[in-house]
Amino acid sequence: MTLAELRAECRSRLSEPGTEYFTDAEWNRWLNLAQDNLVEVLRDESIPALCVLDNRISSAGVESYALPADWVRTRMVRLSGVTCMKATPEMIEAFSRNLNYAPSSAQPFFYEWSGRINVRPIPAVDGTAIQIWYVKRPTQLVADADIPLFPVTLHELLVLYACSIALQKDEKYNEAGALLGLYREGVAAANVGVKA
């Protein structure tokens, strides 16, 4: 569905008489909030259009690289073609106490900190390939013809979430809670059978 169709569906669900009750701008904001929430709760495999690859080239001696601006969560990192393990808190503590701690290049690892991705072992030469597979934040829906990157089968969840916000604004908390419950059931159903 397009943004205009999503708004129309929301209005229909709530039997909203027209645009004078909730504005298009309000519906657009609520549908975008729905997208932001949905990307956080769905498993990566449910949203393939939002799973992307960022290729980087290292600089010698540099461990830390800025995460992309649209980053939500990391799926996988490779350093020189070797898949990195995600660091555990114990591993991070081990090298924070011993800055000479050097993991094997056969089993590199990564961790995220303050909007950056850090790789170990630290690349020793310029030009080391760093590949970051990540889930990106959905593009905001602005124009009426904009279409969410979520599969069409998940557009119903966007409608449920946006309608629950509208009902909360209208102080219809029980109805809002019921729609939010349906949204959560839909998310659970979308995640069932998807590889963790």
N, C-alpha and C. Protein backbone atom coordinates (compact mmCIF):
# COMPACT_ATOMS: atom_id res chain seq x y z
N MET A 1 0.84 -1.19 0.00
CA MET A 1 0.00 0.00 0.00
C MET A 1 0.88 1.25 0.00
N THR A 2 0.40 2.29 -0.63
CA THR A 2 1.09 3.58 -0.59
C THR A 2 0.77 4.28 0.73
N LEU A 3 1.48 5.36 0.99
CA LEU A 3 1.20 6.14 2.20
C LEU A 3 -0.25 6.62 2.20
N ALA A 4 -0.72 7.10 1.07
CA ALA A 4 -2.11 7.58 0.98
C ALA A 4 -3.09 6.44 1.27
N GLU A 5 -2.80 5.25 0.76
CA GLU A 5 -3.67 4.09 1.01
C GLU A 5 -3.61 3.65 2.47
N LEU A 6 -2.44 3.72 3.07
CA LEU A 6 -2.32 3.38 4.49
C LEU A 6 -3.13 4.34 5.35
N ARG A 7 -3.03 5.64 5.05
CA ARG A 7 -3.82 6.64 5.79
C ARG A 7 -5.31 6.37 5.64
N ALA A 8 -5.73 6.10 4.40
CA ALA A 8 -7.15 5.84 4.14
C ALA A 8 -7.61 4.60 4.91
N GLU A 9 -6.78 3.57 4.97
CA GLU A 9 -7.13 2.35 5.71
C GLU A 9 -7.24 2.65 7.21
N CYS A 10 -6.34 3.45 7.72
CA CYS A 10 -6.42 3.83 9.15
C CYS A 10 -7.71 4.58 9.43
N ARG A 11 -8.01 5.54 8.59
CA ARG A 11 -9.25 6.32 8.78
C ARG A 11 -10.48 5.42 8.69
N SER A 12 -10.47 4.50 7.77
CA SER A 12 -11.59 3.57 7.62
C SER A 12 -11.76 2.70 8.87
N ARG A 13 -10.65 2.21 9.42
CA ARG A 13 -10.71 1.36 10.61
C ARG A 13 -11.34 2.07 11.80
N LEU A 14 -11.06 3.37 11.89
CA LEU A 14 -11.59 4.14 13.03
C LEU A 14 -12.87 4.89 12.68
N SER A 15 -13.38 4.65 11.47
CA SER A 15 -14.59 5.35 10.99
C SER A 15 -14.42 6.86 11.14
N GLU A 16 -13.23 7.33 10.81
CA GLU A 16 -12.94 8.76 10.92
C GLU A 16 -13.66 9.50 9.80
N PRO A 17 -14.42 10.53 10.14
CA PRO A 17 -15.24 11.21 9.13
C PRO A 17 -14.44 11.95 8.07
N GLY A 18 -13.28 12.49 8.40
CA GLY A 18 -12.51 13.24 7.41
C GLY A 18 -11.18 13.69 7.96
N THR A 19 -10.50 14.52 7.18
CA THR A 19 -9.16 14.94 7.56
C THR A 19 -9.15 16.02 8.64
N GLU A 20 -10.31 16.53 9.00
CA GLU A 20 -10.33 17.57 10.03
C GLU A 20 -10.18 17.00 11.44
N TYR A 21 -10.36 15.70 11.62
CA TYR A 21 -10.24 15.09 12.95
C TYR A 21 -8.77 14.81 13.26
N PHE A 22 -8.16 13.91 12.49
CA PHE A 22 -6.71 13.71 12.55
C PHE A 22 -6.16 14.13 11.20
N THR A 23 -5.12 14.94 11.22
CA THR A 23 -4.57 15.46 9.97
C THR A 23 -3.73 14.40 9.25
N ASP A 24 -3.50 14.65 7.97
CA ASP A 24 -2.60 13.77 7.21
C ASP A 24 -1.23 13.74 7.87
N ALA A 25 -0.76 14.89 8.36
CA ALA A 25 0.56 14.96 8.99
C ALA A 25 0.61 14.07 10.23
N GLU A 26 -0.48 14.03 11.02
CA GLU A 26 -0.50 13.15 12.19
C GLU A 26 -0.44 11.69 11.78
N TRP A 27 -1.26 11.30 10.79
CA TRP A 27 -1.25 9.92 10.33
C TRP A 27 0.12 9.54 9.78
N ASN A 28 0.72 10.46 9.01
CA ASN A 28 2.07 10.18 8.46
C ASN A 28 3.07 9.95 9.58
N ARG A 29 3.03 10.79 10.62
CA ARG A 29 3.95 10.64 11.75
C ARG A 29 3.72 9.30 12.44
N TRP A 30 2.46 8.92 12.66
CA TRP A 30 2.15 7.67 13.36
C TRP A 30 2.54 6.45 12.52
N LEU A 31 2.35 6.53 11.20
CA LEU A 31 2.76 5.42 10.34
C LEU A 31 4.29 5.29 10.31
N ASN A 32 5.00 6.41 10.35
CA ASN A 32 6.46 6.35 10.42
C ASN A 32 6.93 5.82 11.77
N LEU A 33 6.24 6.17 12.85
CA LEU A 33 6.55 5.58 14.15
C LEU A 33 6.33 4.07 14.12
N ALA A 34 5.27 3.66 13.42
CA ALA A 34 5.00 2.22 13.28
C ALA A 34 6.15 1.52 12.57
N GLN A 35 6.65 2.13 11.50
CA GLN A 35 7.80 1.55 10.78
C GLN A 35 9.00 1.41 11.70
N ASP A 36 9.28 2.50 12.46
CA ASP A 36 10.44 2.48 13.36
C ASP A 36 10.32 1.40 14.41
N ASN A 37 9.10 1.20 14.93
CA ASN A 37 8.91 0.16 15.93
C ASN A 37 9.03 -1.22 15.31
N LEU A 38 8.42 -1.39 14.14
CA LEU A 38 8.39 -2.69 13.49
C LEU A 38 9.79 -3.20 13.15
N VAL A 39 10.67 -2.31 12.69
CA VAL A 39 12.03 -2.75 12.35
C VAL A 39 12.78 -3.20 13.60
N GLU A 40 12.41 -2.67 14.76
CA GLU A 40 13.07 -3.06 16.01
C GLU A 40 12.63 -4.44 16.49
N VAL A 41 11.39 -4.84 16.21
CA VAL A 41 10.85 -6.07 16.80
C VAL A 41 10.81 -7.26 15.85
N LEU A 42 10.95 -7.03 14.56
CA LEU A 42 10.93 -8.15 13.61
C LEU A 42 12.32 -8.75 13.46
N ARG A 43 12.36 -10.04 13.25
CA ARG A 43 13.63 -10.70 12.94
C ARG A 43 14.09 -10.28 11.55
N ASP A 44 15.38 -10.27 11.37
CA ASP A 44 15.98 -9.78 10.13
C ASP A 44 15.42 -10.46 8.89
N GLU A 45 15.20 -11.75 8.97
CA GLU A 45 14.75 -12.51 7.81
C GLU A 45 13.34 -12.12 7.37
N SER A 46 12.59 -11.45 8.23
CA SER A 46 11.24 -11.00 7.88
C SER A 46 11.26 -9.73 7.05
N ILE A 47 12.40 -9.05 7.01
CA ILE A 47 12.48 -7.75 6.35
C ILE A 47 13.71 -7.66 5.43
N PRO A 48 13.76 -8.53 4.41
CA PRO A 48 14.97 -8.58 3.57
C PRO A 48 15.30 -7.26 2.88
N ALA A 49 14.31 -6.45 2.55
CA ALA A 49 14.59 -5.19 1.85
C ALA A 49 15.32 -4.20 2.75
N LEU A 50 15.29 -4.43 4.06
CA LEU A 50 15.97 -3.53 5.00
C LEU A 50 17.32 -4.07 5.46
N CYS A 51 17.74 -5.20 4.91
CA CYS A 51 19.04 -5.79 5.25
C CYS A 51 20.03 -5.43 4.15
N VAL A 52 21.08 -4.70 4.51
CA VAL A 52 22.00 -4.17 3.51
C VAL A 52 23.45 -4.45 3.89
N LEU A 53 24.35 -4.22 2.93
CA LEU A 53 25.79 -4.43 3.10
C LEU A 53 26.50 -3.09 2.96
N ASP A 54 27.41 -2.82 3.88
CA ASP A 54 28.25 -1.62 3.83
C ASP A 54 29.70 -2.10 3.73
N ASN A 55 30.37 -1.79 2.63
CA ASN A 55 31.78 -2.17 2.45
C ASN A 55 32.67 -1.02 2.87
N ARG A 56 33.67 -1.33 3.68
CA ARG A 56 34.62 -0.34 4.16
C ARG A 56 36.03 -0.82 3.83
N ILE A 57 36.94 0.11 3.77
CA ILE A 57 38.35 -0.18 3.63
C ILE A 57 39.03 0.40 4.87
N SER A 58 39.83 -0.42 5.54
CA SER A 58 40.45 0.00 6.80
C SER A 58 41.64 0.91 6.57
N SER A 59 41.99 1.57 7.65
CA SER A 59 43.26 2.31 7.73
C SER A 59 44.11 1.58 8.76
N ALA A 60 45.39 1.49 8.50
CA ALA A 60 46.29 0.77 9.41
C ALA A 60 46.20 1.35 10.81
N GLY A 61 46.05 0.47 11.80
CA GLY A 61 46.02 0.88 13.19
C GLY A 61 44.70 1.44 13.68
N VAL A 62 43.70 1.47 12.81
CA VAL A 62 42.39 2.03 13.20
C VAL A 62 41.44 0.88 13.52
N GLU A 63 40.93 0.90 14.74
CA GLU A 63 40.03 -0.15 15.22
C GLU A 63 38.57 0.21 15.04
N SER A 64 38.23 1.50 15.10
CA SER A 64 36.86 1.96 15.23
C SER A 64 36.39 2.68 13.97
N TYR A 65 35.19 2.32 13.49
CA TYR A 65 34.61 2.90 12.28
C TYR A 65 33.18 3.31 12.57
N ALA A 66 32.77 4.48 12.08
CA ALA A 66 31.41 4.98 12.32
C ALA A 66 30.39 4.04 11.66
N LEU A 67 29.33 3.78 12.40
CA LEU A 67 28.24 2.99 11.84
C LEU A 67 27.45 3.87 10.87
N PRO A 68 26.83 3.27 9.85
CA PRO A 68 26.02 4.07 8.91
C PRO A 68 24.90 4.80 9.66
N ALA A 69 24.52 5.96 9.15
CA ALA A 69 23.50 6.79 9.81
C ALA A 69 22.16 6.08 9.94
N ASP A 70 21.86 5.17 9.01
CA ASP A 70 20.57 4.48 9.04
C ASP A 70 20.64 3.13 9.75
N TRP A 71 21.72 2.85 10.47
CA TRP A 71 21.94 1.58 11.15
C TRP A 71 20.93 1.37 12.28
N VAL A 72 20.38 0.14 12.36
CA VAL A 72 19.51 -0.26 13.47
C VAL A 72 20.22 -1.34 14.29
N ARG A 73 20.71 -2.39 13.61
CA ARG A 73 21.44 -3.45 14.30
C ARG A 73 22.34 -4.18 13.29
N THR A 74 23.40 -4.75 13.82
CA THR A 74 24.37 -5.46 12.99
C THR A 74 23.95 -6.91 12.83
N ARG A 75 24.04 -7.41 11.62
CA ARG A 75 23.74 -8.81 11.33
C ARG A 75 25.03 -9.63 11.32
N MET A 76 26.07 -9.11 10.63
CA MET A 76 27.31 -9.85 10.50
C MET A 76 28.42 -8.88 10.10
N VAL A 77 29.65 -9.20 10.51
CA VAL A 77 30.82 -8.41 10.12
C VAL A 77 31.89 -9.39 9.64
N ARG A 78 32.58 -9.00 8.55
CA ARG A 78 33.71 -9.77 8.05
C ARG A 78 34.92 -8.85 7.97
N LEU A 79 36.04 -9.39 8.40
CA LEU A 79 37.32 -8.69 8.34
C LEU A 79 38.23 -9.53 7.45
N SER A 80 38.65 -8.97 6.32
CA SER A 80 39.46 -9.70 5.33
C SER A 80 38.79 -11.01 4.93
N GLY A 81 37.47 -11.00 4.79
CA GLY A 81 36.74 -12.18 4.35
C GLY A 81 36.45 -13.20 5.43
N VAL A 82 36.92 -12.96 6.66
CA VAL A 82 36.68 -13.89 7.77
C VAL A 82 35.53 -13.35 8.62
N THR A 83 34.52 -14.18 8.86
CA THR A 83 33.38 -13.76 9.67
C THR A 83 33.83 -13.51 11.11
N CYS A 84 33.47 -12.33 11.61
CA CYS A 84 33.83 -11.95 12.98
C CYS A 84 32.77 -12.44 13.96
N MET A 85 33.23 -12.83 15.11
CA MET A 85 32.33 -13.19 16.20
C MET A 85 31.96 -11.90 16.92
N LYS A 86 30.71 -11.81 17.39
CA LYS A 86 30.33 -10.64 18.19
C LYS A 86 30.92 -10.82 19.58
N ALA A 87 31.63 -9.79 20.06
CA ALA A 87 32.31 -9.86 21.35
C ALA A 87 31.32 -9.95 22.50
N THR A 88 31.68 -10.76 23.47
CA THR A 88 30.91 -10.86 24.71
C THR A 88 31.42 -9.78 25.65
N PRO A 89 30.64 -9.43 26.68
CA PRO A 89 31.14 -8.46 27.66
C PRO A 89 32.47 -8.90 28.31
N GLU A 90 32.65 -10.20 28.50
CA GLU A 90 33.89 -10.71 29.08
C GLU A 90 35.09 -10.44 28.16
N MET A 91 34.88 -10.62 26.86
CA MET A 91 35.96 -10.35 25.91
C MET A 91 36.33 -8.87 25.91
N ILE A 92 35.31 -8.02 25.96
CA ILE A 92 35.55 -6.57 25.95
C ILE A 92 36.33 -6.18 27.21
N GLU A 93 35.94 -6.75 28.34
CA GLU A 93 36.66 -6.45 29.59
C GLU A 93 38.10 -6.93 29.51
N ALA A 94 38.33 -8.10 28.92
CA ALA A 94 39.69 -8.65 28.83
C ALA A 94 40.62 -7.71 28.07
N PHE A 95 40.17 -7.17 26.95
CA PHE A 95 41.09 -6.29 26.22
C PHE A 95 41.06 -4.86 26.75
N SER A 96 40.04 -4.47 27.52
CA SER A 96 40.08 -3.13 28.11
C SER A 96 41.10 -3.08 29.25
N ARG A 97 41.33 -4.23 29.90
CA ARG A 97 42.35 -4.31 30.96
C ARG A 97 43.75 -4.53 30.37
N ASN A 98 43.80 -5.16 29.22
CA ASN A 98 45.08 -5.48 28.60
C ASN A 98 45.03 -5.03 27.15
N LEU A 99 45.48 -3.82 26.88
CA LEU A 99 45.38 -3.27 25.54
C LEU A 99 46.21 -4.04 24.53
N ASN A 100 47.11 -4.90 25.00
CA ASN A 100 47.90 -5.72 24.10
C ASN A 100 47.19 -7.02 23.74
N TYR A 101 45.99 -7.23 24.33
CA TYR A 101 45.21 -8.44 24.03
C TYR A 101 44.96 -8.47 22.53
N ALA A 102 45.40 -9.51 21.89
CA ALA A 102 45.27 -9.60 20.44
C ALA A 102 44.61 -10.91 20.05
N PRO A 103 43.35 -10.85 19.64
CA PRO A 103 42.71 -12.08 19.19
C PRO A 103 43.37 -12.58 17.91
N SER A 104 43.16 -13.81 17.64
CA SER A 104 43.72 -14.43 16.45
C SER A 104 43.05 -13.87 15.20
N SER A 105 43.84 -13.68 14.15
CA SER A 105 43.24 -13.21 12.90
C SER A 105 42.36 -14.30 12.30
N ALA A 106 42.53 -15.55 12.77
CA ALA A 106 41.67 -16.64 12.32
C ALA A 106 40.29 -16.53 12.95
N GLN A 107 40.18 -15.85 14.11
CA GLN A 107 38.87 -15.65 14.75
C GLN A 107 38.75 -14.21 15.24
N PRO A 108 38.61 -13.29 14.28
CA PRO A 108 38.43 -11.88 14.68
C PRO A 108 37.06 -11.68 15.33
N PHE A 109 36.92 -10.56 16.02
CA PHE A 109 35.62 -10.24 16.60
C PHE A 109 35.33 -8.75 16.45
N PHE A 110 34.07 -8.39 16.73
CA PHE A 110 33.65 -7.00 16.66
C PHE A 110 32.75 -6.69 17.84
N TYR A 111 32.65 -5.40 18.12
CA TYR A 111 31.68 -4.93 19.10
C TYR A 111 31.25 -3.53 18.70
N GLU A 112 30.07 -3.12 19.18
CA GLU A 112 29.54 -1.79 18.89
C GLU A 112 29.66 -0.94 20.14
N TRP A 113 30.03 0.32 19.94
CA TRP A 113 30.16 1.22 21.07
C TRP A 113 29.98 2.66 20.58
N SER A 114 29.03 3.36 21.16
CA SER A 114 28.82 4.79 20.88
C SER A 114 28.71 5.09 19.39
N GLY A 115 27.88 4.34 18.68
CA GLY A 115 27.66 4.62 17.27
C GLY A 115 28.81 4.22 16.36
N ARG A 116 29.68 3.37 16.87
CA ARG A 116 30.82 2.92 16.08
C ARG A 116 30.93 1.41 16.16
N ILE A 117 31.54 0.84 15.13
CA ILE A 117 31.83 -0.60 15.15
C ILE A 117 33.34 -0.74 15.30
N ASN A 118 33.74 -1.60 16.19
CA ASN A 118 35.15 -1.81 16.49
C ASN A 118 35.52 -3.24 16.12
N VAL A 119 36.66 -3.40 15.46
CA VAL A 119 37.10 -4.72 15.03
C VAL A 119 38.44 -5.06 15.68
N ARG A 120 38.59 -6.34 16.00
CA ARG A 120 39.85 -6.88 16.54
C ARG A 120 40.15 -8.16 15.80
N PRO A 121 41.33 -8.47 15.39
CA PRO A 121 42.51 -7.64 15.60
C PRO A 121 42.42 -6.36 14.80
N ILE A 122 43.08 -5.34 15.30
CA ILE A 122 43.11 -4.05 14.63
C ILE A 122 43.86 -4.23 13.31
N PRO A 123 43.29 -3.78 12.20
CA PRO A 123 43.97 -3.95 10.91
C PRO A 123 45.38 -3.33 10.95
N ALA A 124 46.36 -4.11 10.51
CA ALA A 124 47.76 -3.68 10.54
C ALA A 124 48.16 -2.91 9.28
N VAL A 125 47.39 -3.06 8.21
CA VAL A 125 47.74 -2.39 6.96
C VAL A 125 46.52 -1.67 6.40
N ASP A 126 46.80 -0.64 5.61
CA ASP A 126 45.71 0.05 4.91
C ASP A 126 45.08 -0.91 3.91
N GLY A 127 43.79 -0.74 3.68
CA GLY A 127 43.12 -1.49 2.62
C GLY A 127 42.51 -2.81 3.02
N THR A 128 42.50 -3.13 4.31
CA THR A 128 41.84 -4.36 4.75
C THR A 128 40.34 -4.20 4.54
N ALA A 129 39.71 -5.20 3.94
CA ALA A 129 38.27 -5.13 3.67
C ALA A 129 37.48 -5.39 4.95
N ILE A 130 36.55 -4.49 5.24
CA ILE A 130 35.61 -4.66 6.35
C ILE A 130 34.22 -4.62 5.74
N GLN A 131 33.46 -5.69 5.94
CA GLN A 131 32.10 -5.76 5.42
C GLN A 131 31.14 -5.81 6.60
N ILE A 132 30.17 -4.91 6.59
CA ILE A 132 29.18 -4.84 7.67
C ILE A 132 27.80 -5.07 7.06
N TRP A 133 27.19 -6.20 7.42
CA TRP A 133 25.81 -6.45 7.03
C TRP A 133 24.95 -5.96 8.19
N TYR A 134 23.97 -5.13 7.87
CA TYR A 134 23.16 -4.56 8.95
C TYR A 134 21.71 -4.36 8.50
N VAL A 135 20.85 -4.17 9.49
CA VAL A 135 19.46 -3.80 9.24
C VAL A 135 19.40 -2.29 9.30
N LYS A 136 18.83 -1.68 8.26
CA LYS A 136 18.76 -0.23 8.21
C LYS A 136 17.39 0.28 8.65
N ARG A 137 17.38 1.51 9.11
CA ARG A 137 16.14 2.17 9.48
C ARG A 137 15.34 2.43 8.21
N PRO A 138 14.04 2.18 8.24
CA PRO A 138 13.24 2.42 7.03
C PRO A 138 13.21 3.90 6.65
N THR A 139 13.14 4.16 5.37
CA THR A 139 13.00 5.52 4.87
C THR A 139 11.65 6.08 5.31
N GLN A 140 11.65 7.32 5.77
CA GLN A 140 10.41 7.95 6.20
C GLN A 140 9.45 8.08 5.02
N LEU A 141 8.20 7.81 5.28
CA LEU A 141 7.16 7.96 4.28
C LEU A 141 6.73 9.43 4.28
N VAL A 142 6.83 10.10 3.14
CA VAL A 142 6.53 11.52 3.07
C VAL A 142 5.48 11.80 1.99
N ALA A 143 5.77 11.36 0.78
CA ALA A 143 4.86 11.61 -0.35
C ALA A 143 3.75 10.56 -0.36
N ASP A 144 2.60 10.95 -0.85
CA ASP A 144 1.45 10.04 -0.88
C ASP A 144 1.75 8.74 -1.62
N ALA A 145 2.63 8.78 -2.62
CA ALA A 145 2.94 7.59 -3.40
C ALA A 145 4.04 6.73 -2.78
N ASP A 146 4.64 7.17 -1.67
CA ASP A 146 5.69 6.38 -1.02
C ASP A 146 5.13 5.05 -0.53
N ILE A 147 5.95 4.00 -0.68
CA ILE A 147 5.55 2.64 -0.27
C ILE A 147 6.57 2.14 0.75
N PRO A 148 6.10 1.61 1.90
CA PRO A 148 7.04 1.08 2.89
C PRO A 148 7.85 -0.07 2.30
N LEU A 149 9.09 -0.24 2.78
CA LEU A 149 9.95 -1.33 2.31
C LEU A 149 9.59 -2.67 2.95
N PHE A 150 8.66 -2.68 3.89
CA PHE A 150 8.22 -3.93 4.50
C PHE A 150 7.38 -4.71 3.49
N PRO A 151 7.42 -6.05 3.56
CA PRO A 151 6.55 -6.83 2.68
C PRO A 151 5.09 -6.42 2.86
N VAL A 152 4.32 -6.48 1.80
CA VAL A 152 2.91 -6.08 1.83
C VAL A 152 2.15 -6.82 2.93
N THR A 153 2.53 -8.05 3.20
CA THR A 153 1.84 -8.82 4.24
C THR A 153 2.00 -8.20 5.62
N LEU A 154 2.97 -7.30 5.80
CA LEU A 154 3.18 -6.65 7.09
C LEU A 154 2.57 -5.25 7.17
N HIS A 155 1.99 -4.76 6.10
CA HIS A 155 1.40 -3.42 6.11
C HIS A 155 0.25 -3.33 7.12
N GLU A 156 -0.45 -4.43 7.33
CA GLU A 156 -1.52 -4.47 8.32
C GLU A 156 -0.99 -4.08 9.71
N LEU A 157 0.23 -4.48 10.02
CA LEU A 157 0.82 -4.16 11.32
C LEU A 157 1.08 -2.66 11.45
N LEU A 158 1.46 -2.02 10.36
CA LEU A 158 1.65 -0.57 10.38
C LEU A 158 0.34 0.14 10.69
N VAL A 159 -0.74 -0.35 10.08
CA VAL A 159 -2.07 0.23 10.30
C VAL A 159 -2.50 0.05 11.75
N LEU A 160 -2.33 -1.15 12.28
CA LEU A 160 -2.72 -1.42 13.67
C LEU A 160 -1.97 -0.50 14.64
N TYR A 161 -0.68 -0.36 14.43
CA TYR A 161 0.13 0.46 15.34
C TYR A 161 -0.29 1.93 15.26
N ALA A 162 -0.45 2.46 14.04
CA ALA A 162 -0.84 3.86 13.87
C ALA A 162 -2.23 4.11 14.47
N CYS A 163 -3.15 3.19 14.25
CA CYS A 163 -4.50 3.35 14.81
C CYS A 163 -4.48 3.31 16.34
N SER A 164 -3.60 2.51 16.91
CA SER A 164 -3.53 2.47 18.37
C SER A 164 -3.06 3.81 18.93
N ILE A 165 -2.14 4.47 18.22
CA ILE A 165 -1.69 5.80 18.66
C ILE A 165 -2.83 6.81 18.55
N ALA A 166 -3.57 6.75 17.45
CA ALA A 166 -4.71 7.67 17.26
C ALA A 166 -5.73 7.49 18.38
N LEU A 167 -6.01 6.26 18.73
CA LEU A 167 -6.97 6.00 19.81
C LEU A 167 -6.44 6.49 21.16
N GLN A 168 -5.15 6.37 21.40
CA GLN A 168 -4.57 6.91 22.63
C GLN A 168 -4.73 8.42 22.68
N LYS A 169 -4.49 9.08 21.54
CA LYS A 169 -4.65 10.54 21.49
C LYS A 169 -6.09 10.92 21.78
N ASP A 170 -7.00 10.07 21.35
CA ASP A 170 -8.44 10.32 21.56
C ASP A 170 -8.91 9.83 22.94
N GLU A 171 -7.94 9.41 23.77
CA GLU A 171 -8.19 8.92 25.13
C GLU A 171 -9.09 7.69 25.18
N LYS A 172 -9.00 6.88 24.15
CA LYS A 172 -9.72 5.59 24.10
C LYS A 172 -8.68 4.50 24.37
N TYR A 173 -8.26 4.43 25.62
CA TYR A 173 -7.13 3.60 25.99
C TYR A 173 -7.40 2.10 25.88
N ASN A 174 -8.60 1.67 26.19
CA ASN A 174 -8.92 0.23 26.08
C ASN A 174 -8.87 -0.24 24.63
N GLU A 175 -9.47 0.57 23.74
CA GLU A 175 -9.45 0.22 22.31
C GLU A 175 -8.01 0.26 21.77
N ALA A 176 -7.26 1.26 22.23
CA ALA A 176 -5.86 1.37 21.79
C ALA A 176 -5.08 0.14 22.24
N GLY A 177 -5.31 -0.28 23.48
CA GLY A 177 -4.63 -1.46 24.00
C GLY A 177 -4.99 -2.72 23.23
N ALA A 178 -6.25 -2.82 22.83
CA ALA A 178 -6.68 -3.99 22.05
C ALA A 178 -5.96 -4.04 20.71
N LEU A 179 -5.85 -2.88 20.04
CA LEU A 179 -5.15 -2.86 18.75
C LEU A 179 -3.66 -3.13 18.92
N LEU A 180 -3.08 -2.62 20.00
CA LEU A 180 -1.67 -2.89 20.26
C LEU A 180 -1.46 -4.38 20.52
N GLY A 181 -2.43 -5.02 21.17
CA GLY A 181 -2.36 -6.47 21.37
C GLY A 181 -2.39 -7.22 20.05
N LEU A 182 -3.26 -6.78 19.13
CA LEU A 182 -3.30 -7.41 17.80
C LEU A 182 -1.99 -7.19 17.04
N TYR A 183 -1.42 -6.00 17.21
CA TYR A 183 -0.12 -5.70 16.59
C TYR A 183 0.94 -6.67 17.11
N ARG A 184 1.00 -6.85 18.43
CA ARG A 184 2.01 -7.76 19.01
C ARG A 184 1.79 -9.19 18.56
N GLU A 185 0.54 -9.61 18.45
CA GLU A 185 0.25 -10.96 17.93
C GLU A 185 0.74 -11.09 16.49
N GLY A 186 0.52 -10.05 15.69
CA GLY A 186 0.98 -10.06 14.30
C GLY A 186 2.48 -10.14 14.19
N VAL A 187 3.18 -9.40 15.06
CA VAL A 187 4.65 -9.45 15.08
C VAL A 187 5.11 -10.84 15.45
N ALA A 188 4.48 -11.42 16.48
CA ALA A 188 4.86 -12.79 16.90
C ALA A 188 4.63 -13.78 15.76
N ALA A 189 3.51 -13.64 15.06
CA ALA A 189 3.21 -14.53 13.94
C ALA A 189 4.23 -14.36 12.81
N ALA A 190 4.64 -13.13 12.55
CA ALA A 190 5.62 -12.87 11.49
C ALA A 190 6.98 -13.46 11.85
N ASN A 191 7.28 -13.50 13.14
CA ASN A 191 8.57 -14.02 13.59
C ASN A 191 8.58 -15.54 13.76
N VAL A 192 7.41 -16.18 13.80
CA VAL A 192 7.34 -17.64 13.96
C VAL A 192 7.92 -18.31 12.71
N GLY A 193 8.74 -19.28 12.95
CA GLY A 193 9.31 -20.02 11.82
C GLY A 193 10.46 -19.31 11.14
N VAL A 194 10.75 -18.09 11.57
CA VAL A 194 11.89 -17.36 10.99
C VAL A 194 13.10 -17.73 11.81
N LYS A 195 14.17 -18.12 11.13
CA LYS A 195 15.39 -18.53 11.81
C LYS A 195 15.90 -17.43 12.74
N ALA A 196 16.19 -17.82 13.99
CA ALA A 196 16.68 -16.82 14.97
C ALA A 196 18.11 -16.44 14.68
